[in-house]
PDB file of N, CA and C in Angstrom:
ATOM      1  N   MET A   1      10.288  -1.000 -27.628  1.00  0.00           N
ATOM      2  CA  MET A   1      11.531  -1.706 -27.347  1.00  0.00           C
ATOM      3  C   MET A   1      12.313  -0.956 -26.267  1.00  0.00           C
ATOM      4  N   ILE A   2      12.819  -1.692 -25.323  1.00  0.00           N
ATOM      5  CA  ILE A   2      13.598  -1.104 -24.234  1.00  0.00           C
ATOM      6  C   ILE A   2      15.069  -1.154 -24.615  1.00  0.00           C
ATOM      7  N   ASN A   3      15.716   0.016 -24.570  1.00  0.00           N
ATOM      8  CA  ASN A   3      17.114   0.108 -24.982  1.00  0.00           C
ATOM      9  C   ASN A   3      18.099  -0.005 -23.825  1.00  0.00           C
ATOM     10  N   SER A   4      17.654   0.254 -22.609  1.00  0.00           N
ATOM     11  CA  SER A   4      18.541   0.126 -21.457  1.00  0.00           C
ATOM     12  C   SER A   4      17.719  -0.247 -20.226  1.00  0.00           C
ATOM     13  N   PHE A   5      18.401  -0.736 -19.209  1.00  0.00           N
ATOM     14  CA  PHE A   5      17.685  -1.154 -18.002  1.00  0.00           C
ATOM     15  C   PHE A   5      16.982   0.018 -17.334  1.00  0.00           C
ATOM     16  N   GLU A   6      17.454   1.229 -17.556  1.00  0.00           N
ATOM     17  CA  GLU A   6      16.843   2.413 -16.946  1.00  0.00           C
ATOM     18  C   GLU A   6      15.439   2.682 -17.479  1.00  0.00           C
ATOM     19  N   GLU A   7      15.085   2.072 -18.602  1.00  0.00           N
ATOM     20  CA  GLU A   7      13.765   2.257 -19.193  1.00  0.00           C
ATOM     21  C   GLU A   7      12.766   1.184 -18.753  1.00  0.00           C
ATOM     22  N   LEU A   8      13.226   0.202 -17.975  1.00  0.00           N
ATOM     23  CA  LEU A   8      12.336  -0.861 -17.524  1.00  0.00           C
ATOM     24  C   LEU A   8      11.279  -0.306 -16.572  1.00  0.00           C
ATOM     25  N   PRO A   9      10.021  -0.655 -16.784  1.00  0.00           N
ATOM     26  CA  PRO A   9       8.986  -0.211 -15.852  1.00  0.00           C
ATOM     27  C   PRO A   9       9.106  -0.985 -14.534  1.00  0.00           C
ATOM     28  N   VAL A  10       9.024  -0.276 -13.442  1.00  0.00           N
ATOM     29  CA  VAL A  10       9.146  -0.884 -12.121  1.00  0.00           C
ATOM     30  C   VAL A  10       7.956  -0.455 -11.269  1.00  0.00           C
ATOM     31  N   LYS A  11       7.307  -1.421 -10.649  1.00  0.00           N
ATOM     32  CA  LYS A  11       6.186  -1.137  -9.750  1.00  0.00           C
ATOM     33  C   LYS A  11       6.735  -1.050  -8.324  1.00  0.00           C
ATOM     34  N   ILE A  12       6.461   0.073  -7.641  1.00  0.00           N
ATOM     35  CA  ILE A  12       6.913   0.266  -6.265  1.00  0.00           C
ATOM     36  C   ILE A  12       5.690   0.471  -5.378  1.00  0.00           C
ATOM     37  N   GLU A  13       5.637  -0.256  -4.280  1.00  0.00           N
ATOM     38  CA  GLU A  13       4.547  -0.118  -3.316  1.00  0.00           C
ATOM     39  C   GLU A  13       5.137   0.264  -1.958  1.00  0.00           C
ATOM     40  N   PHE A  14       4.476   1.169  -1.265  1.00  0.00           N
ATOM     41  CA  PHE A  14       4.846   1.544   0.087  1.00  0.00           C
ATOM     42  C   PHE A  14       3.702   1.110   1.002  1.00  0.00           C
ATOM     43  N   VAL A  15       3.958   0.096   1.811  1.00  0.00           N
ATOM     44  CA  VAL A  15       2.923  -0.461   2.679  1.00  0.00           C
ATOM     45  C   VAL A  15       3.101   0.122   4.079  1.00  0.00           C
ATOM     46  N   LEU A  16       2.084   0.849   4.528  1.00  0.00           N
ATOM     47  CA  LEU A  16       2.137   1.476   5.850  1.00  0.00           C
ATOM     48  C   LEU A  16       1.616   0.568   6.951  1.00  0.00           C
ATOM     49  N   GLY A  17       0.841  -0.401   6.585  1.00  0.00           N
ATOM     50  CA  GLY A  17       0.303  -1.308   7.584  1.00  0.00           C
ATOM     51  C   GLY A  17      -0.690  -2.262   6.967  1.00  0.00           C
ATOM     52  N   LYS A  18      -1.109  -3.215   7.756  1.00  0.00           N
ATOM     53  CA  LYS A  18      -2.099  -4.191   7.309  1.00  0.00           C
ATOM     54  C   LYS A  18      -3.202  -4.233   8.350  1.00  0.00           C
ATOM     55  N   LYS A  19      -4.403  -4.440   7.892  1.00  0.00           N
ATOM     56  CA  LYS A  19      -5.539  -4.475   8.808  1.00  0.00           C
ATOM     57  C   LYS A  19      -6.512  -5.546   8.343  1.00  0.00           C
ATOM     58  N   ILE A  20      -6.992  -6.327   9.275  1.00  0.00           N
ATOM     59  CA  ILE A  20      -8.000  -7.335   8.967  1.00  0.00           C
ATOM     60  C   ILE A  20      -9.368  -6.702   9.179  1.00  0.00           C
ATOM     61  N   MET A  21     -10.200  -6.806   8.148  1.00  0.00           N
ATOM     62  CA  MET A  21     -11.544  -6.238   8.214  1.00  0.00           C
ATOM     63  C   MET A  21     -12.535  -7.299   7.775  1.00  0.00           C
ATOM     64  N   ASN A  22     -13.740  -7.239   8.336  1.00  0.00           N
ATOM     65  CA  ASN A  22     -14.761  -8.172   7.879  1.00  0.00           C
ATOM     66  C   ASN A  22     -15.454  -7.591   6.638  1.00  0.00           C
ATOM     67  N   LEU A  23     -16.256  -8.388   5.976  1.00  0.00           N
ATOM     68  CA  LEU A  23     -16.891  -7.947   4.729  1.00  0.00           C
ATOM     69  C   LEU A  23     -17.811  -6.754   4.942  1.00  0.00           C
ATOM     70  N   TYR A  24     -18.455  -6.673   6.094  1.00  0.00           N
ATOM     71  CA  TYR A  24     -19.317  -5.527   6.377  1.00  0.00           C
ATOM     72  C   TYR A  24     -18.496  -4.240   6.412  1.00  0.00           C
ATOM     73  N   GLU A  25     -17.336  -4.268   7.065  1.00  0.00           N
ATOM     74  CA  GLU A  25     -16.473  -3.085   7.142  1.00  0.00           C
ATOM     75  C   GLU A  25     -15.952  -2.698   5.762  1.00  0.00           C
ATOM     76  N   ILE A  26     -15.592  -3.677   4.961  1.00  0.00           N
ATOM     77  CA  ILE A  26     -15.108  -3.392   3.607  1.00  0.00           C
ATOM     78  C   ILE A  26     -16.222  -2.787   2.768  1.00  0.00           C
ATOM     79  N   ASP A  27     -17.417  -3.332   2.880  1.00  0.00           N
ATOM     80  CA  ASP A  27     -18.564  -2.813   2.138  1.00  0.00           C
ATOM     81  C   ASP A  27     -18.899  -1.385   2.565  1.00  0.00           C
ATOM     82  N   ASP A  28     -18.593  -1.046   3.806  1.00  0.00           N
ATOM     83  CA  ASP A  28     -18.893   0.275   4.356  1.00  0.00           C
ATOM     84  C   ASP A  28     -17.842   1.324   3.977  1.00  0.00           C
ATOM     85  N   LEU A  29     -16.730   0.897   3.378  1.00  0.00           N
ATOM     86  CA  LEU A  29     -15.689   1.855   2.991  1.00  0.00           C
ATOM     87  C   LEU A  29     -16.205   2.803   1.918  1.00  0.00           C
ATOM     88  N   CYS A  30     -15.757   4.028   1.974  1.00  0.00           N
ATOM     89  CA  CYS A  30     -16.123   5.007   0.956  1.00  0.00           C
ATOM     90  C   CYS A  30     -14.934   5.926   0.713  1.00  0.00           C
ATOM     91  N   ALA A  31     -15.037   6.750  -0.303  1.00  0.00           N
ATOM     92  CA  ALA A  31     -13.957   7.680  -0.632  1.00  0.00           C
ATOM     93  C   ALA A  31     -13.684   8.598   0.559  1.00  0.00           C
ATOM     94  N   LYS A  32     -12.425   8.919   0.750  1.00  0.00           N
ATOM     95  CA  LYS A  32     -11.952   9.824   1.807  1.00  0.00           C
ATOM     96  C   LYS A  32     -12.128   9.255   3.213  1.00  0.00           C
ATOM     97  N   ARG A  33     -12.406   7.982   3.319  1.00  0.00           N
ATOM     98  CA  ARG A  33     -12.545   7.331   4.623  1.00  0.00           C
ATOM     99  C   ARG A  33     -11.157   7.082   5.189  1.00  0.00           C
ATOM    100  N   ILE A  34     -10.955   7.368   6.433  1.00  0.00           N
ATOM    101  CA  ILE A  34      -9.662   7.172   7.082  1.00  0.00           C
ATOM    102  C   ILE A  34      -9.666   5.827   7.795  1.00  0.00           C
ATOM    103  N   ILE A  35      -8.645   5.031   7.524  1.00  0.00           N
ATOM    104  CA  ILE A  35      -8.485   3.741   8.190  1.00  0.00           C
ATOM    105  C   ILE A  35      -7.354   3.907   9.200  1.00  0.00           C
ATOM    106  N   SER A  36      -7.655   3.722  10.460  1.00  0.00           N
ATOM    107  CA  SER A  36      -6.642   3.920  11.494  1.00  0.00           C
ATOM    108  C   SER A  36      -5.622   2.779  11.476  1.00  0.00           C
ATOM    109  N   LEU A  37      -4.371   3.159  11.714  1.00  0.00           N
ATOM    110  CA  LEU A  37      -3.274   2.200  11.781  1.00  0.00           C
ATOM    111  C   LEU A  37      -2.619   2.307  13.149  1.00  0.00           C
ATOM    112  N   LEU A  38      -1.778   1.371  13.466  1.00  0.00           N
ATOM    113  CA  LEU A  38      -1.045   1.427  14.724  1.00  0.00           C
ATOM    114  C   LEU A  38      -0.107   2.631  14.724  1.00  0.00           C
ATOM    115  N   PRO A  39       0.125   3.249  15.879  1.00  0.00           N
ATOM    116  CA  PRO A  39       0.987   4.438  15.948  1.00  0.00           C
ATOM    117  C   PRO A  39       2.399   4.205  15.404  1.00  0.00           C
ATOM    118  N   GLU A  40       2.934   3.003  15.556  1.00  0.00           N
ATOM    119  CA  GLU A  40       4.302   2.739  15.092  1.00  0.00           C
ATOM    120  C   GLU A  40       4.382   2.399  13.606  1.00  0.00           C
ATOM    121  N   SER A  41       3.276   2.474  12.895  1.00  0.00           N
ATOM    122  CA  SER A  41       3.255   2.134  11.464  1.00  0.00           C
ATOM    123  C   SER A  41       4.235   2.972  10.656  1.00  0.00           C
ATOM    124  N   GLU A  42       4.374   4.241  11.007  1.00  0.00           N
ATOM    125  CA  GLU A  42       5.279   5.113  10.245  1.00  0.00           C
ATOM    126  C   GLU A  42       6.741   4.701  10.391  1.00  0.00           C
ATOM    127  N   LYS A  43       7.054   3.923  11.414  1.00  0.00           N
ATOM    128  CA  LYS A  43       8.428   3.459  11.620  1.00  0.00           C
ATOM    129  C   LYS A  43       8.680   2.109  10.957  1.00  0.00           C
ATOM    130  N   ASN A  44       7.636   1.497  10.428  1.00  0.00           N
ATOM    131  CA  ASN A  44       7.750   0.154   9.849  1.00  0.00           C
ATOM    132  C   ASN A  44       7.210   0.104   8.423  1.00  0.00           C
ATOM    133  N   ILE A  45       7.567   1.068   7.612  1.00  0.00           N
ATOM    134  CA  ILE A  45       7.093   1.101   6.232  1.00  0.00           C
ATOM    135  C   ILE A  45       7.775  -0.017   5.445  1.00  0.00           C
ATOM    136  N   GLU A  46       6.977  -0.790   4.754  1.00  0.00           N
ATOM    137  CA  GLU A  46       7.490  -1.877   3.916  1.00  0.00           C
ATOM    138  C   GLU A  46       7.523  -1.379   2.476  1.00  0.00           C
ATOM    139  N   ILE A  47       8.673  -1.497   1.825  1.00  0.00           N
ATOM    140  CA  ILE A  47       8.814  -1.070   0.431  1.00  0.00           C
ATOM    141  C   ILE A  47       8.940  -2.319  -0.428  1.00  0.00           C
ATOM    142  N   ARG A  48       8.039  -2.445  -1.403  1.00  0.00           N
ATOM    143  CA  ARG A  48       8.038  -3.601  -2.311  1.00  0.00           C
ATOM    144  C   ARG A  48       8.332  -3.117  -3.724  1.00  0.00           C
ATOM    145  N   VAL A  49       9.261  -3.771  -4.371  1.00  0.00           N
ATOM    146  CA  VAL A  49       9.604  -3.438  -5.756  1.00  0.00           C
ATOM    147  C   VAL A  49       9.395  -4.682  -6.601  1.00  0.00           C
ATOM    148  N   ASN A  50       8.528  -4.533  -7.626  1.00  0.00           N
ATOM    149  CA  ASN A  50       8.124  -5.653  -8.485  1.00  0.00           C
ATOM    150  C   ASN A  50       7.832  -6.841  -7.622  1.00  0.00           C
TER     151      ASN A  50
END
């Protein structure tokens, strides 16, 4: 039971960028693989809450 709004679970996402990939590229992804983003991505972080 939640007694106050401060106990509500909240999902927060920080989106640094979006990239379109074909199925071959997605299948080729592996752990520790770096996906390059546009240089200005760090200036355009999207924050999503719930």
